[in-house]
Amino acid sequence: MKMLVQVLVLAALSPFLLCASTAYAATPITLDGSFGDWAGKPHIEDPIGDTDVSAADVSRLYFANNDDDPSMYFMVERVQVPSPTVHTLFIDVNNNGLFEDPVDAQIRVSHHPTGQVTVAVFVGTQPVAVYSGRWGDRAPAGALRCEWSVPFEDLNISPGQVIRLVLFTTTQALAPEDSTFANHMALVEAGQSDRVPDTGDLQWAPVPILSLWGNAALYLFCCLLAYRYYYRRLRVPLRTTFSTVRRS
């Protein structure tokens, strides 16, 4: 009976997952330096004017997943003059409120006004990966937004794992050995960097939702399982009863 209940619950929820996935997948994120696909995606607002360096003033940090894609996608939007900027995203992988444990990650993103974006991934103090592309606005049109993605495997996280995020934005990169959470906080207090969020952190459990076909397959599987269960439970008693009547 317990198995039957689980099957029926899955079968009942599958149509809703199907609809949710269809809506979610309507505008998947593509790393191409165009930002219309970020409309309606989750983001956090940051107050304007909370740093003395206008070129480092962030207005929004977006974060999202694509269907069947074990990666995290991010987009940062600034509000002031085009300038080379460095976005440093600290990730508290083990969700303990600290950001410099050996398992925690740091993503250093350099955005040049030409639109070139370079992403360097570190776990603890160890470099893990570097990748780049034309994933940013270009001057003179703007150079105020850039996007990037990081695979789960580069960060040693699993789908649905709760993590914490804090972003720092500056106009000058710190040396790798100096890029600590404490040093970035010192720059914020000196008015030389922007922090998003201003206090606390952003908690997120990135989950790549099943695609339309994935949910359709799940729904069909649940229906077949439920049918098989009922067929076996009902067929055996009926056959037994019919045989007993014939013998009598």
Protein backbone atom coordinates (compact mmCIF):
# COMPACT_ATOMS: atom_id res chain seq x y z
CA MET A 1 0.00 0.00 0.00
CA LYS A 2 2.84 2.40 0.79
CA MET A 3 4.32 1.85 -2.67
CA LEU A 4 0.92 2.46 -4.26
CA VAL A 5 0.54 5.77 -2.45
CA GLN A 6 3.99 6.90 -3.65
CA VAL A 7 3.20 5.94 -7.23
CA LEU A 8 -0.16 7.73 -7.19
CA VAL A 9 1.38 10.87 -5.69
CA LEU A 10 4.06 10.95 -8.39
CA ALA A 11 1.48 10.39 -11.10
CA ALA A 12 -0.69 13.18 -9.70
CA LEU A 13 2.21 15.65 -9.45
CA SER A 14 3.75 14.88 -12.84
CA PRO A 15 1.33 17.06 -14.87
CA PHE A 16 2.13 20.02 -12.59
CA LEU A 17 5.87 19.39 -12.97
CA LEU A 18 5.32 19.20 -16.72
CA CYS A 19 3.63 22.60 -16.81
CA ALA A 20 6.18 24.18 -14.47
CA SER A 21 9.06 22.86 -16.53
CA THR A 22 7.51 24.11 -19.76
CA ALA A 23 7.20 27.63 -18.35
CA TYR A 24 10.70 27.51 -16.88
CA ALA A 25 12.27 26.36 -20.13
CA ALA A 26 10.55 29.03 -22.23
CA THR A 27 13.65 31.22 -22.08
CA PRO A 28 16.76 29.17 -21.28
CA ILE A 29 19.91 31.11 -20.50
CA THR A 30 22.44 31.26 -23.32
CA LEU A 31 25.90 32.71 -22.81
CA ASP A 32 26.05 35.10 -25.76
CA GLY A 33 26.37 38.61 -24.36
CA SER A 34 22.66 39.27 -24.91
CA PHE A 35 20.51 39.58 -21.83
CA GLY A 36 16.86 39.34 -22.89
CA ASP A 37 16.74 35.73 -21.68
CA TRP A 38 17.27 36.92 -18.09
CA ALA A 39 13.87 38.64 -17.97
CA GLY A 40 11.82 37.20 -15.13
CA LYS A 41 14.70 35.19 -13.65
CA PRO A 42 15.41 35.26 -9.88
CA HIS A 43 17.60 38.13 -8.79
CA ILE A 44 18.53 40.30 -5.85
CA GLU A 45 18.37 44.10 -5.98
CA ASP A 46 21.21 46.18 -4.61
CA PRO A 47 20.88 49.85 -3.59
CA ILE A 48 22.44 52.41 -5.91
CA GLY A 49 25.17 54.63 -4.49
CA ASP A 50 26.37 52.28 -1.75
CA THR A 51 30.01 52.51 -2.90
CA ASP A 52 32.29 55.47 -3.61
CA VAL A 53 33.48 53.89 -6.90
CA SER A 54 30.63 54.43 -9.34
CA ALA A 55 32.00 51.91 -11.87
CA ALA A 56 31.72 49.17 -9.22
CA ASP A 57 28.13 49.99 -8.26
CA VAL A 58 25.98 46.87 -8.81
CA SER A 59 22.21 47.14 -9.20
CA ARG A 60 21.22 43.47 -9.67
CA LEU A 61 22.64 39.98 -9.29
CA TYR A 62 20.74 37.32 -11.26
CA PHE A 63 21.01 33.55 -10.77
CA ALA A 64 19.33 30.67 -12.62
CA ASN A 65 19.44 27.10 -13.93
CA ASN A 66 18.60 25.60 -17.31
CA ASP A 67 16.63 22.39 -17.82
CA ASP A 68 18.75 19.22 -17.60
CA ASP A 69 21.90 21.33 -17.24
CA PRO A 70 23.99 20.77 -14.08
CA SER A 71 25.39 24.30 -14.08
CA MET A 72 24.72 27.57 -12.30
CA TYR A 73 24.20 30.73 -14.36
CA PHE A 74 24.83 34.26 -13.13
CA MET A 75 24.43 37.78 -14.48
CA VAL A 76 25.59 41.02 -12.90
CA GLU A 77 24.23 44.42 -13.86
CA ARG A 78 25.89 47.71 -12.97
CA VAL A 79 24.50 51.23 -13.36
CA GLN A 80 27.41 53.54 -14.05
CA VAL A 81 30.21 54.24 -16.52
CA PRO A 82 31.82 51.47 -18.60
CA SER A 83 35.00 50.28 -16.97
CA PRO A 84 36.97 47.08 -16.48
CA THR A 85 35.46 45.39 -13.45
CA VAL A 86 36.13 42.31 -11.34
CA HIS A 87 33.27 40.40 -9.75
CA THR A 88 34.31 37.98 -7.00
CA LEU A 89 31.60 35.52 -6.01
CA PHE A 90 32.20 33.69 -2.73
CA ILE A 91 30.29 30.41 -2.37
CA ASP A 92 29.77 28.79 1.02
CA VAL A 93 29.55 25.22 -0.26
CA ASN A 94 28.90 23.52 3.08
CA ASN A 95 26.28 26.14 4.10
CA ASN A 96 27.74 26.89 7.52
CA GLY A 97 27.84 30.69 7.20
CA LEU A 98 31.59 30.78 6.58
CA PHE A 99 33.17 31.40 3.19
CA GLU A 100 36.78 30.30 3.54
CA ASP A 101 36.61 26.64 4.47
CA PRO A 102 38.74 24.31 2.30
CA VAL A 103 35.58 23.14 0.48
CA ASP A 104 34.27 26.64 -0.21
CA ALA A 105 34.63 28.17 -3.65
CA GLN A 106 35.51 31.52 -5.15
CA ILE A 107 34.65 32.60 -8.67
CA ARG A 108 36.62 35.57 -10.02
CA VAL A 109 35.02 37.16 -13.07
CA SER A 110 36.82 39.83 -15.09
CA HIS A 111 34.67 41.93 -17.44
CA HIS A 112 36.41 44.13 -20.01
CA PRO A 113 34.53 46.90 -21.90
CA THR A 114 35.22 44.95 -25.12
CA GLY A 115 32.68 42.39 -23.86
CA GLN A 116 35.30 39.77 -23.01
CA VAL A 117 34.61 37.89 -19.78
CA THR A 118 37.12 35.62 -18.06
CA VAL A 119 36.05 33.27 -15.27
CA ALA A 120 38.51 31.69 -12.84
CA VAL A 121 37.20 29.08 -10.39
CA PHE A 122 38.95 28.27 -7.11
CA VAL A 123 38.06 25.71 -4.45
CA GLY A 124 39.77 26.68 -1.24
CA THR A 125 42.98 28.20 -2.57
CA GLN A 126 43.37 25.75 -5.44
CA PRO A 127 42.62 26.81 -9.04
CA VAL A 128 40.09 24.49 -10.68
CA ALA A 129 39.13 25.94 -14.06
CA VAL A 130 39.41 29.00 -16.29
CA TYR A 131 37.08 29.78 -19.19
CA SER A 132 36.18 32.88 -21.16
CA GLY A 133 33.97 34.27 -23.90
CA ARG A 134 32.16 37.32 -25.25
CA TRP A 135 29.60 37.24 -22.48
CA GLY A 136 29.43 40.93 -21.61
CA ASP A 137 28.09 44.26 -22.81
CA ARG A 138 30.47 46.26 -24.97
CA ALA A 139 31.41 49.94 -24.83
CA PRO A 140 30.23 52.46 -25.83
CA ALA A 141 26.78 50.84 -25.82
CA GLY A 142 27.04 49.89 -22.18
CA ALA A 143 29.59 47.38 -20.85
CA LEU A 144 27.45 47.33 -17.72
CA ARG A 145 26.30 43.69 -17.76
CA CYS A 146 28.05 40.34 -17.95
CA GLU A 147 26.99 36.71 -17.60
CA TRP A 148 28.74 33.43 -16.91
CA SER A 149 28.10 29.86 -15.80
CA VAL A 150 29.89 27.31 -13.62
CA PRO A 151 29.31 23.52 -13.73
CA PHE A 152 28.32 21.85 -10.47
CA GLU A 153 31.26 19.47 -10.79
CA ASP A 154 33.78 22.33 -10.70
CA LEU A 155 32.43 23.30 -7.28
CA ASN A 156 31.88 19.76 -5.96
CA ILE A 157 28.20 20.37 -5.30
CA SER A 158 25.11 18.29 -6.05
CA PRO A 159 21.74 19.38 -7.50
CA GLY A 160 19.53 20.69 -4.72
CA GLN A 161 22.42 21.30 -2.33
CA VAL A 162 21.91 24.49 -0.30
CA ILE A 163 24.71 27.01 -0.73
CA ARG A 164 25.32 30.64 0.27
CA LEU A 165 26.50 33.42 -2.03
CA VAL A 166 28.12 36.83 -1.54
CA LEU A 167 29.34 38.99 -4.45
CA PHE A 168 32.01 41.70 -4.33
CA THR A 169 32.64 44.06 -7.26
CA THR A 170 35.73 46.23 -7.71
CA THR A 171 37.57 47.95 -10.54
CA GLN A 172 40.93 46.43 -9.66
CA ALA A 173 41.67 42.76 -9.11
CA LEU A 174 43.28 41.59 -5.91
CA ALA A 175 46.24 39.26 -6.13
CA PRO A 176 45.14 35.62 -5.67
CA GLU A 177 46.78 35.39 -2.26
CA ASP A 178 45.02 38.60 -1.17
CA SER A 179 41.54 37.67 -2.43
CA THR A 180 40.11 36.72 0.95
CA PHE A 181 36.66 37.42 2.31
CA ALA A 182 38.11 39.66 5.01
CA ASN A 183 40.10 41.74 2.50
CA HIS A 184 37.07 42.20 0.28
CA MET A 185 35.05 43.32 3.29
CA ALA A 186 37.82 45.84 4.09
CA LEU A 187 37.45 47.28 0.56
CA VAL A 188 33.69 47.60 1.07
CA GLU A 189 34.19 49.45 4.35
CA ALA A 190 36.67 51.76 2.58
CA GLY A 191 34.10 52.53 -0.12
CA GLN A 192 36.20 50.86 -2.83
CA SER A 193 33.95 47.87 -3.50
CA ASP A 194 30.26 46.96 -3.66
CA ARG A 195 28.84 43.99 -1.76
CA VAL A 196 25.73 42.06 -2.79
CA PRO A 197 23.80 41.63 -0.61
CA ASP A 198 24.86 44.51 1.61
CA THR A 199 24.48 42.32 4.70
CA GLY A 200 24.07 38.61 5.25
CA ASP A 201 24.13 36.33 2.23
CA LEU A 202 21.98 34.77 -0.46
CA GLN A 203 20.90 31.16 0.15
CA TRP A 204 20.12 29.08 -2.92
CA ALA A 205 19.57 25.42 -3.77
CA PRO A 206 20.24 25.19 -7.53
CA VAL A 207 18.15 22.43 -9.11
CA PRO A 208 18.19 21.72 -12.87
CA ILE A 209 14.50 20.99 -13.52
CA LEU A 210 13.55 18.08 -15.76
CA SER A 211 12.85 19.04 -19.34
CA LEU A 212 9.44 18.72 -21.02
CA TRP A 213 10.27 15.25 -22.35
CA GLY A 214 11.80 14.22 -19.04
CA ASN A 215 8.60 15.05 -17.16
CA ALA A 216 6.49 13.37 -19.85
CA ALA A 217 8.57 10.20 -19.44
CA LEU A 218 8.19 10.39 -15.65
CA TYR A 219 4.41 10.74 -15.97
CA LEU A 220 4.19 7.76 -18.36
CA PHE A 221 6.38 5.64 -16.08
CA CYS A 222 4.18 6.41 -13.05
CA CYS A 223 1.02 5.56 -14.99
CA LEU A 224 2.47 2.23 -16.17
CA LEU A 225 3.63 1.40 -12.65
CA ALA A 226 0.19 2.16 -11.22
CA TYR A 227 -1.48 0.06 -13.94
CA ARG A 228 0.88 -2.87 -13.28
CA TYR A 229 0.18 -2.68 -9.55
CA TYR A 230 -3.59 -2.70 -9.97
CA TYR A 231 -3.47 -5.42 -12.65
CA ARG A 232 -1.59 -7.78 -10.35
CA ARG A 233 -3.65 -7.01 -7.23
CA LEU A 234 -7.01 -7.39 -8.97
CA ARG A 235 -6.23 -10.16 -11.44
CA VAL A 236 -5.05 -12.74 -8.89
CA PRO A 237 -8.12 -12.59 -6.57
CA LEU A 238 -10.53 -12.78 -9.54
CA ARG A 239 -8.79 -15.85 -11.02
CA THR A 240 -8.71 -17.55 -7.62
CA THR A 241 -12.42 -16.90 -7.05
CA PHE A 242 -13.36 -18.19 -10.54
CA SER A 243 -11.36 -21.43 -10.02
CA THR A 244 -12.99 -22.04 -6.64
CA VAL A 245 -16.50 -21.68 -8.12
CA ARG A 246 -15.69 -24.16 -10.92
CA ARG A 247 -14.36 -26.80 -8.51
CA SER A 248 -17.45 -26.49 -6.31
